[in-house]
């Protein structure tokens, strides 16, 4: 089972979704001002990830998917990445760069599997 790890920074709170092996799958799309807003984002990720469509922006003439959706794209370095967008179109989770598209797609499946019922690890105060 995966877990969401919340970290406190100088400017707020960040989140990371980790697989059962401890490896980071993806991180939250922003720095949150409050712990409550960070937890709301986790709730949104857990709700949207299992039902999200996939929009592969790396293929020519790709079909636009309806939100919530995972967008697969290539970054400036030519690596494959994904981001999860909520129903309102806001990005709520982003991946690291992958050399292979298949690895990126595996990352999406890992989010789908690990985000639901994930343990939430809060920062020590």
N, C-alpha and C. Protein backbone atom coordinates (compact mmCIF):
# COMPACT_ATOMS: atom_id res chain seq x y z
N UNK A 1 0.85 -1.19 0.00
CA UNK A 1 0.00 0.00 0.00
C UNK A 1 0.89 1.24 0.00
N UNK A 2 0.48 2.25 -0.75
CA UNK A 2 1.24 3.48 -0.82
C UNK A 2 0.98 4.38 0.36
N UNK A 3 1.72 5.48 0.38
CA UNK A 3 1.46 6.47 1.43
C UNK A 3 1.77 7.86 0.91
N UNK A 4 1.00 8.81 1.42
CA UNK A 4 1.25 10.22 1.15
C UNK A 4 2.10 10.74 2.29
N UNK A 5 3.22 11.34 1.96
CA UNK A 5 4.09 11.92 2.98
C UNK A 5 4.00 13.44 2.85
N UNK A 6 3.59 14.07 3.94
CA UNK A 6 3.48 15.53 3.98
C UNK A 6 4.72 16.08 4.66
N UNK A 7 5.34 17.05 4.02
CA UNK A 7 6.52 17.71 4.61
C UNK A 7 6.22 19.17 4.87
N UNK A 8 6.72 19.66 5.98
CA UNK A 8 6.59 21.08 6.31
C UNK A 8 7.84 21.79 5.80
N UNK A 9 7.65 22.88 5.07
CA UNK A 9 8.78 23.67 4.58
C UNK A 9 8.68 25.07 5.19
N UNK A 10 9.62 25.92 4.85
CA UNK A 10 9.57 27.31 5.34
C UNK A 10 8.36 28.07 4.81
N UNK A 11 7.85 27.63 3.65
CA UNK A 11 6.76 28.36 3.01
C UNK A 11 5.42 27.65 3.08
N UNK A 12 5.35 26.47 3.68
CA UNK A 12 4.08 25.75 3.76
C UNK A 12 4.28 24.25 3.82
N UNK A 13 3.42 23.52 3.10
CA UNK A 13 3.42 22.07 3.13
C UNK A 13 3.51 21.51 1.71
N UNK A 14 4.26 20.43 1.55
CA UNK A 14 4.35 19.74 0.28
C UNK A 14 3.93 18.29 0.50
N UNK A 15 3.59 17.61 -0.59
CA UNK A 15 3.21 16.21 -0.46
C UNK A 15 3.90 15.38 -1.53
N UNK A 16 4.14 14.12 -1.18
CA UNK A 16 4.68 13.15 -2.12
C UNK A 16 3.92 11.85 -1.94
N UNK A 17 3.62 11.19 -3.06
CA UNK A 17 3.01 9.87 -3.03
C UNK A 17 4.14 8.87 -3.19
N UNK A 18 4.26 7.97 -2.22
CA UNK A 18 5.31 6.97 -2.25
C UNK A 18 4.72 5.58 -2.38
N UNK A 19 5.41 4.73 -3.13
CA UNK A 19 5.01 3.33 -3.28
C UNK A 19 5.37 2.57 -2.02
N UNK A 20 4.92 1.34 -1.91
CA UNK A 20 5.19 0.53 -0.71
C UNK A 20 6.69 0.30 -0.51
N UNK A 21 7.48 0.40 -1.59
CA UNK A 21 8.94 0.24 -1.45
C UNK A 21 9.64 1.54 -1.04
N UNK A 22 8.85 2.60 -0.79
CA UNK A 22 9.41 3.86 -0.35
C UNK A 22 9.82 4.81 -1.46
N UNK A 23 9.72 4.36 -2.70
CA UNK A 23 10.11 5.19 -3.83
C UNK A 23 9.02 6.22 -4.14
N UNK A 24 9.43 7.46 -4.40
CA UNK A 24 8.47 8.52 -4.74
C UNK A 24 7.93 8.28 -6.14
N UNK A 25 6.60 8.26 -6.24
CA UNK A 25 5.93 8.09 -7.53
C UNK A 25 5.67 9.45 -8.16
N UNK A 26 5.18 10.38 -7.34
CA UNK A 26 4.82 11.72 -7.83
C UNK A 26 4.71 12.67 -6.65
N UNK A 27 4.71 13.96 -6.96
CA UNK A 27 4.61 14.98 -5.93
C UNK A 27 3.43 15.90 -6.21
N UNK A 28 2.97 16.57 -5.16
CA UNK A 28 1.86 17.51 -5.30
C UNK A 28 2.24 18.66 -6.21
N UNK A 29 1.26 19.27 -6.80
CA UNK A 29 1.50 20.31 -7.77
C UNK A 29 1.88 21.67 -7.20
N UNK A 30 1.88 21.82 -5.88
CA UNK A 30 2.15 23.14 -5.32
C UNK A 30 2.60 23.04 -3.87
N UNK A 31 2.94 24.21 -3.31
CA UNK A 31 3.21 24.32 -1.87
C UNK A 31 1.92 24.85 -1.26
N UNK A 32 1.42 24.15 -0.25
CA UNK A 32 0.15 24.51 0.37
C UNK A 32 0.39 25.38 1.59
N UNK A 33 -0.48 26.39 1.78
CA UNK A 33 -0.35 27.30 2.92
C UNK A 33 -0.69 26.62 4.24
N UNK A 34 -1.64 25.68 4.20
CA UNK A 34 -2.08 25.04 5.44
C UNK A 34 -2.05 23.52 5.29
N UNK A 35 -1.96 22.85 6.42
CA UNK A 35 -2.00 21.39 6.44
C UNK A 35 -3.35 20.91 5.91
N UNK A 36 -4.41 21.63 6.26
CA UNK A 36 -5.76 21.25 5.80
C UNK A 36 -5.86 21.29 4.28
N UNK A 37 -5.30 22.31 3.64
CA UNK A 37 -5.39 22.39 2.18
C UNK A 37 -4.54 21.29 1.53
N UNK A 38 -3.44 20.91 2.16
CA UNK A 38 -2.61 19.81 1.67
C UNK A 38 -3.41 18.50 1.75
N UNK A 39 -4.11 18.29 2.85
CA UNK A 39 -4.93 17.08 3.02
C UNK A 39 -6.10 17.07 2.03
N UNK A 40 -6.66 18.23 1.73
CA UNK A 40 -7.73 18.31 0.74
C UNK A 40 -7.22 17.86 -0.63
N UNK A 41 -5.99 18.24 -0.95
CA UNK A 41 -5.40 17.85 -2.23
C UNK A 41 -5.20 16.33 -2.28
N UNK A 42 -4.76 15.75 -1.16
CA UNK A 42 -4.59 14.29 -1.09
C UNK A 42 -5.93 13.60 -1.34
N UNK A 43 -6.98 14.13 -0.73
CA UNK A 43 -8.33 13.58 -0.92
C UNK A 43 -8.72 13.64 -2.40
N UNK A 44 -8.43 14.75 -3.03
CA UNK A 44 -8.74 14.93 -4.45
C UNK A 44 -7.95 13.94 -5.32
N UNK A 45 -6.68 13.74 -5.01
CA UNK A 45 -5.85 12.79 -5.76
C UNK A 45 -6.42 11.38 -5.63
N UNK A 46 -6.74 10.98 -4.40
CA UNK A 46 -7.27 9.64 -4.15
C UNK A 46 -8.60 9.40 -4.86
N UNK A 47 -9.40 10.46 -4.97
CA UNK A 47 -10.71 10.36 -5.62
C UNK A 47 -10.58 10.36 -7.14
N UNK A 48 -9.68 11.19 -7.68
CA UNK A 48 -9.58 11.36 -9.13
C UNK A 48 -8.70 10.34 -9.83
N UNK A 49 -7.63 9.89 -9.20
CA UNK A 49 -6.67 9.00 -9.87
C UNK A 49 -7.30 7.72 -10.44
N UNK A 50 -8.15 7.02 -9.68
CA UNK A 50 -8.67 5.76 -10.22
C UNK A 50 -9.59 5.93 -11.43
N UNK A 51 -10.23 7.08 -11.56
CA UNK A 51 -11.20 7.27 -12.64
C UNK A 51 -10.68 8.18 -13.76
N UNK A 52 -9.46 8.67 -13.62
CA UNK A 52 -8.92 9.64 -14.57
C UNK A 52 -8.68 9.02 -15.95
N UNK A 53 -9.01 9.78 -16.97
CA UNK A 53 -8.70 9.41 -18.35
C UNK A 53 -7.20 9.61 -18.57
N UNK A 54 -6.69 9.13 -19.69
CA UNK A 54 -5.29 9.36 -20.05
C UNK A 54 -5.26 10.10 -21.38
N UNK A 55 -4.55 11.23 -21.38
CA UNK A 55 -4.37 12.03 -22.60
C UNK A 55 -2.89 11.99 -22.95
N UNK A 56 -2.55 11.30 -24.02
CA UNK A 56 -1.16 11.15 -24.43
C UNK A 56 -0.78 12.26 -25.40
N UNK A 57 -0.16 13.30 -24.87
CA UNK A 57 0.19 14.46 -25.68
C UNK A 57 1.47 14.25 -26.48
N UNK A 58 2.06 13.04 -26.38
CA UNK A 58 3.29 12.77 -27.13
C UNK A 58 3.00 12.23 -28.53
N UNK A 59 1.73 11.93 -28.81
CA UNK A 59 1.39 11.45 -30.15
C UNK A 59 0.75 12.58 -30.94
N UNK A 60 1.07 12.62 -32.23
CA UNK A 60 0.55 13.68 -33.08
C UNK A 60 -0.96 13.56 -33.22
N UNK A 61 -1.65 14.68 -33.13
CA UNK A 61 -3.10 14.70 -33.28
C UNK A 61 -3.81 13.96 -32.15
N UNK A 62 -3.22 14.01 -30.94
CA UNK A 62 -3.82 13.31 -29.80
C UNK A 62 -5.23 13.80 -29.53
N UNK A 63 -6.02 12.89 -28.96
CA UNK A 63 -7.41 13.22 -28.63
C UNK A 63 -7.45 13.83 -27.23
N UNK A 64 -8.09 14.97 -27.11
CA UNK A 64 -8.22 15.61 -25.80
C UNK A 64 -9.15 14.79 -24.92
N UNK A 65 -8.71 14.54 -23.71
CA UNK A 65 -9.53 13.77 -22.76
C UNK A 65 -10.24 14.74 -21.81
N UNK A 66 -11.31 14.26 -21.21
CA UNK A 66 -12.09 15.04 -20.25
C UNK A 66 -11.43 14.90 -18.88
N UNK A 67 -11.45 15.99 -18.10
CA UNK A 67 -10.95 15.93 -16.71
C UNK A 67 -11.91 15.12 -15.86
N UNK A 68 -11.44 14.41 -14.84
CA UNK A 68 -10.04 14.32 -14.44
C UNK A 68 -9.24 13.49 -15.45
N UNK A 69 -7.96 13.84 -15.58
CA UNK A 69 -7.14 13.11 -16.54
C UNK A 69 -5.67 13.15 -16.16
N UNK A 70 -4.97 12.13 -16.62
CA UNK A 70 -3.53 12.12 -16.59
C UNK A 70 -3.07 12.62 -17.95
N UNK A 71 -2.16 13.58 -17.96
CA UNK A 71 -1.57 14.04 -19.22
C UNK A 71 -0.15 13.50 -19.29
N UNK A 72 0.15 12.79 -20.38
CA UNK A 72 1.52 12.34 -20.64
C UNK A 72 2.12 13.34 -21.62
N UNK A 73 3.31 13.83 -21.29
CA UNK A 73 3.96 14.81 -22.16
C UNK A 73 5.47 14.65 -22.06
N UNK A 74 6.19 15.33 -22.94
CA UNK A 74 7.66 15.33 -22.86
C UNK A 74 8.12 16.71 -22.40
N UNK A 75 9.13 16.69 -21.53
CA UNK A 75 9.68 17.95 -21.02
C UNK A 75 10.79 18.45 -21.94
N UNK A 76 11.40 19.57 -21.57
CA UNK A 76 12.45 20.18 -22.40
C UNK A 76 13.65 19.26 -22.60
N UNK A 77 13.89 18.37 -21.64
CA UNK A 77 15.02 17.44 -21.73
C UNK A 77 14.67 16.20 -22.55
N UNK A 78 13.41 16.13 -23.03
CA UNK A 78 12.99 14.99 -23.83
C UNK A 78 12.53 13.79 -23.02
N UNK A 79 12.34 14.00 -21.71
CA UNK A 79 11.87 12.91 -20.86
C UNK A 79 10.35 12.90 -20.80
N UNK A 80 9.78 11.73 -20.56
CA UNK A 80 8.33 11.58 -20.44
C UNK A 80 7.92 11.89 -19.01
N UNK A 81 6.85 12.62 -18.87
CA UNK A 81 6.30 12.97 -17.55
C UNK A 81 4.78 12.85 -17.61
N UNK A 82 4.16 12.77 -16.43
CA UNK A 82 2.70 12.85 -16.38
C UNK A 82 2.30 13.82 -15.29
N UNK A 83 1.11 14.38 -15.46
CA UNK A 83 0.50 15.18 -14.41
C UNK A 83 -0.96 14.76 -14.33
N UNK A 84 -1.48 14.80 -13.12
CA UNK A 84 -2.89 14.49 -12.88
C UNK A 84 -3.63 15.80 -12.70
N UNK A 85 -4.68 15.97 -13.49
CA UNK A 85 -5.52 17.16 -13.36
C UNK A 85 -6.87 16.76 -12.79
N UNK A 86 -7.37 17.58 -11.86
CA UNK A 86 -8.66 17.35 -11.23
C UNK A 86 -9.79 17.70 -12.19
N UNK A 87 -11.01 17.48 -11.75
CA UNK A 87 -12.18 17.80 -12.58
C UNK A 87 -12.19 19.25 -13.06
N UNK A 88 -11.68 20.16 -12.20
CA UNK A 88 -11.68 21.59 -12.54
C UNK A 88 -10.49 21.98 -13.42
N UNK A 89 -9.65 21.01 -13.79
CA UNK A 89 -8.52 21.29 -14.67
C UNK A 89 -7.23 21.68 -13.96
N UNK A 90 -7.30 21.78 -12.63
CA UNK A 90 -6.11 22.15 -11.86
C UNK A 90 -5.17 20.95 -11.75
N UNK A 91 -3.86 21.16 -11.98
CA UNK A 91 -2.91 20.06 -11.79
C UNK A 91 -2.75 19.77 -10.29
N UNK A 92 -2.88 18.50 -9.90
CA UNK A 92 -2.82 18.15 -8.48
C UNK A 92 -1.68 17.17 -8.16
N UNK A 93 -1.03 16.64 -9.19
CA UNK A 93 0.07 15.70 -8.97
C UNK A 93 0.95 15.71 -10.20
N UNK A 94 2.27 15.60 -10.00
CA UNK A 94 3.21 15.61 -11.12
C UNK A 94 4.30 14.57 -10.90
N UNK A 95 4.75 13.97 -11.99
CA UNK A 95 5.76 12.92 -11.89
C UNK A 95 7.16 13.46 -12.11
N UNK A 96 8.12 12.58 -11.87
CA UNK A 96 9.50 12.83 -12.25
C UNK A 96 9.62 12.55 -13.74
N UNK A 97 10.78 12.78 -14.31
CA UNK A 97 11.01 12.48 -15.72
C UNK A 97 11.39 11.01 -15.91
N UNK A 98 10.88 10.41 -16.98
CA UNK A 98 11.19 9.02 -17.32
C UNK A 98 11.84 8.99 -18.70
N UNK A 99 12.83 8.13 -18.86
CA UNK A 99 13.50 7.98 -20.16
C UNK A 99 12.58 7.28 -21.16
N UNK A 100 11.78 6.34 -20.67
CA UNK A 100 10.89 5.56 -21.55
C UNK A 100 9.43 5.87 -21.26
N UNK A 101 8.64 5.93 -22.32
CA UNK A 101 7.21 6.19 -22.19
C UNK A 101 6.53 5.08 -21.38
N UNK A 102 6.96 3.83 -21.58
CA UNK A 102 6.36 2.71 -20.84
C UNK A 102 6.54 2.90 -19.34
N UNK A 103 7.68 3.42 -18.93
CA UNK A 103 7.93 3.67 -17.50
C UNK A 103 6.98 4.74 -16.98
N UNK A 104 6.73 5.75 -17.79
CA UNK A 104 5.80 6.83 -17.43
C UNK A 104 4.39 6.24 -17.26
N UNK A 105 4.00 5.38 -18.19
CA UNK A 105 2.67 4.75 -18.11
C UNK A 105 2.58 3.86 -16.87
N UNK A 106 3.67 3.18 -16.53
CA UNK A 106 3.70 2.37 -15.30
C UNK A 106 3.54 3.27 -14.08
N UNK A 107 4.11 4.47 -14.13
CA UNK A 107 3.97 5.44 -13.04
C UNK A 107 2.52 5.82 -12.82
N UNK A 108 1.79 6.01 -13.91
CA UNK A 108 0.36 6.33 -13.81
C UNK A 108 -0.40 5.18 -13.14
N UNK A 109 -0.11 3.96 -13.56
CA UNK A 109 -0.78 2.80 -12.95
C UNK A 109 -0.43 2.69 -11.47
N UNK A 110 0.80 3.04 -11.13
CA UNK A 110 1.23 3.01 -9.73
C UNK A 110 0.46 4.05 -8.91
N UNK A 111 0.23 5.22 -9.49
CA UNK A 111 -0.57 6.24 -8.80
C UNK A 111 -1.99 5.72 -8.58
N UNK A 112 -2.58 5.15 -9.63
CA UNK A 112 -3.95 4.61 -9.52
C UNK A 112 -4.03 3.61 -8.36
N UNK A 113 -3.03 2.74 -8.25
CA UNK A 113 -3.03 1.67 -7.25
C UNK A 113 -2.70 2.19 -5.85
N UNK A 114 -1.72 3.09 -5.76
CA UNK A 114 -1.21 3.51 -4.45
C UNK A 114 -1.94 4.68 -3.81
N UNK A 115 -2.65 5.49 -4.59
CA UNK A 115 -3.29 6.69 -4.04
C UNK A 115 -4.55 6.36 -3.24
N UNK A 116 -5.22 5.29 -3.60
CA UNK A 116 -6.46 4.91 -2.93
C UNK A 116 -6.13 4.22 -1.61
N UNK A 117 -6.77 4.67 -0.56
CA UNK A 117 -6.56 4.10 0.77
C UNK A 117 -5.12 4.22 1.27
N UNK A 118 -4.38 5.19 0.74
CA UNK A 118 -2.99 5.37 1.17
C UNK A 118 -2.94 5.95 2.56
N UNK A 119 -1.95 5.52 3.30
CA UNK A 119 -1.71 6.08 4.63
C UNK A 119 -1.23 7.53 4.45
N UNK A 120 -1.59 8.40 5.37
CA UNK A 120 -1.11 9.79 5.32
C UNK A 120 -0.13 9.98 6.47
N UNK A 121 1.10 10.34 6.14
CA UNK A 121 2.14 10.56 7.14
C UNK A 121 2.32 12.06 7.29
N UNK A 122 1.93 12.58 8.44
CA UNK A 122 2.02 14.01 8.69
C UNK A 122 3.39 14.37 9.27
N UNK A 123 3.82 15.62 9.07
CA UNK A 123 5.10 16.04 9.62
C UNK A 123 5.07 16.11 11.14
N UNK A 124 6.19 15.83 11.76
CA UNK A 124 6.26 15.98 13.22
C UNK A 124 6.27 17.48 13.53
N UNK A 125 5.46 17.88 14.46
CA UNK A 125 5.38 19.32 14.79
C UNK A 125 6.42 19.71 15.79
